[in-house]
Amino acid sequence: MTKEVTVEPVKDTKSRDLVLSLLFDAIGMMSYLVPFLGAITDVIWAPIAGLIMLRMYKGTVGAAAGFIVFVEEILPGLDFIPTFTLTWIYTYIIKK
């Protein structure tokens, strides 16, 4: 009697989260490309970014970072802050 063993592939969430963080920070900074349209895109992107952050990073870190990225995106002039990447650094480097 043999028992089948299935091996699940290991998900590399650390690398995936870094790539996504860099991508989402780039999306947030794109509003600088179109001066007047940027304010409108920030209003749309801010809540989306907050929800993405909340889903990417669970728990208190995700909730706090989601709020911070929302405020950073909604306020003019703060789009240059790479909030997603800073959250990745905190989660995978500092917190460890």
Protein backbone atom coordinates (compact mmCIF):
# COMPACT_ATOMS: atom_id res chain seq x y z
CA MET A 1 0.00 0.00 0.00
CA THR A 2 1.69 3.18 -1.18
CA LYS A 3 0.67 6.63 -0.21
CA GLU A 4 0.91 9.42 -2.77
CA VAL A 5 2.72 12.51 -1.62
CA THR A 6 2.08 15.81 -3.33
CA VAL A 7 4.53 18.62 -3.02
CA GLU A 8 3.20 22.16 -3.15
CA PRO A 9 5.50 24.71 -4.78
CA VAL A 10 6.90 27.27 -2.36
CA LYS A 11 5.51 30.69 -3.08
CA ASP A 12 8.14 33.41 -3.10
CA THR A 13 5.95 36.14 -1.66
CA LYS A 14 8.95 38.25 -0.69
CA SER A 15 10.10 38.76 -4.29
CA ARG A 16 6.54 39.07 -5.59
CA ASP A 17 5.72 41.72 -2.99
CA LEU A 18 8.88 43.68 -3.86
CA VAL A 19 8.05 43.73 -7.58
CA LEU A 20 4.43 44.72 -6.86
CA SER A 21 5.56 47.41 -4.40
CA LEU A 22 7.87 48.96 -6.97
CA LEU A 23 5.12 48.81 -9.58
CA PHE A 24 2.48 50.40 -7.33
CA ASP A 25 4.89 53.15 -6.24
CA ALA A 26 5.59 53.87 -9.91
CA ILE A 27 1.85 54.08 -10.61
CA GLY A 28 1.46 56.51 -7.72
CA MET A 29 4.26 58.71 -9.04
CA MET A 30 2.83 58.82 -12.58
CA SER A 31 0.53 61.66 -11.64
CA TYR A 32 3.56 63.95 -11.93
CA LEU A 33 3.65 63.25 -15.67
CA VAL A 34 0.41 65.12 -16.41
CA PRO A 35 0.24 68.30 -14.27
CA PHE A 36 -3.50 69.04 -14.22
CA LEU A 37 -4.74 65.50 -14.71
CA GLY A 38 -2.55 64.35 -11.82
CA ALA A 39 -4.90 65.64 -9.14
CA ILE A 40 -7.81 63.71 -10.63
CA THR A 41 -5.82 60.50 -10.91
CA ASP A 42 -4.66 60.87 -7.29
CA VAL A 43 -8.27 61.01 -6.10
CA ILE A 44 -8.95 57.77 -7.95
CA TRP A 45 -5.65 56.06 -7.07
CA ALA A 46 -5.59 56.92 -3.32
CA PRO A 47 -8.40 54.58 -2.18
CA ILE A 48 -7.27 51.86 -4.58
CA ALA A 49 -3.71 52.07 -3.23
CA GLY A 50 -4.99 51.93 0.34
CA LEU A 51 -6.99 48.76 -0.36
CA ILE A 52 -4.10 47.14 -2.21
CA MET A 53 -1.76 47.87 0.70
CA LEU A 54 -4.29 46.45 3.15
CA ARG A 55 -4.46 43.21 1.16
CA MET A 56 -0.72 42.90 0.48
CA TYR A 57 0.39 43.35 4.07
CA LYS A 58 -1.87 41.76 6.65
CA GLY A 59 -2.58 42.86 10.19
CA THR A 60 -1.60 46.10 11.84
CA VAL A 61 1.19 46.78 9.35
CA GLY A 62 -1.23 46.57 6.42
CA ALA A 63 -3.86 48.72 8.12
CA ALA A 64 -1.40 51.43 9.13
CA ALA A 65 0.38 51.40 5.75
CA GLY A 66 -2.98 51.44 3.93
CA PHE A 67 -3.98 54.58 5.80
CA ILE A 68 -0.58 56.19 5.22
CA VAL A 69 -0.56 55.45 1.48
CA PHE A 70 -4.12 56.80 1.17
CA VAL A 71 -3.15 60.08 2.86
CA GLU A 72 0.12 60.30 0.93
CA GLU A 73 -1.65 59.84 -2.42
CA ILE A 74 -4.60 62.13 -1.68
CA LEU A 75 -2.48 65.08 -0.48
CA PRO A 76 -0.75 67.05 -3.24
CA GLY A 77 3.02 66.94 -3.43
CA LEU A 78 3.60 63.73 -1.46
CA ASP A 79 3.45 61.25 -4.33
CA PHE A 80 7.23 60.94 -4.42
CA ILE A 81 7.23 58.91 -1.16
CA PRO A 82 7.60 55.19 -2.05
CA THR A 83 5.17 53.96 0.62
CA PHE A 84 4.75 50.46 -0.82
CA THR A 85 8.50 49.91 -1.01
CA LEU A 86 9.06 51.32 2.48
CA THR A 87 6.42 48.94 3.82
CA TRP A 88 8.18 46.06 2.06
CA ILE A 89 11.49 47.09 3.66
CA TYR A 90 9.85 47.28 7.07
CA THR A 91 8.08 43.91 6.66
CA TYR A 92 10.90 41.84 5.19
CA ILE A 93 14.08 43.51 6.47
CA ILE A 94 13.50 45.61 9.60
CA LYS A 95 10.79 43.53 11.27
CA LYS A 96 12.72 40.25 10.84
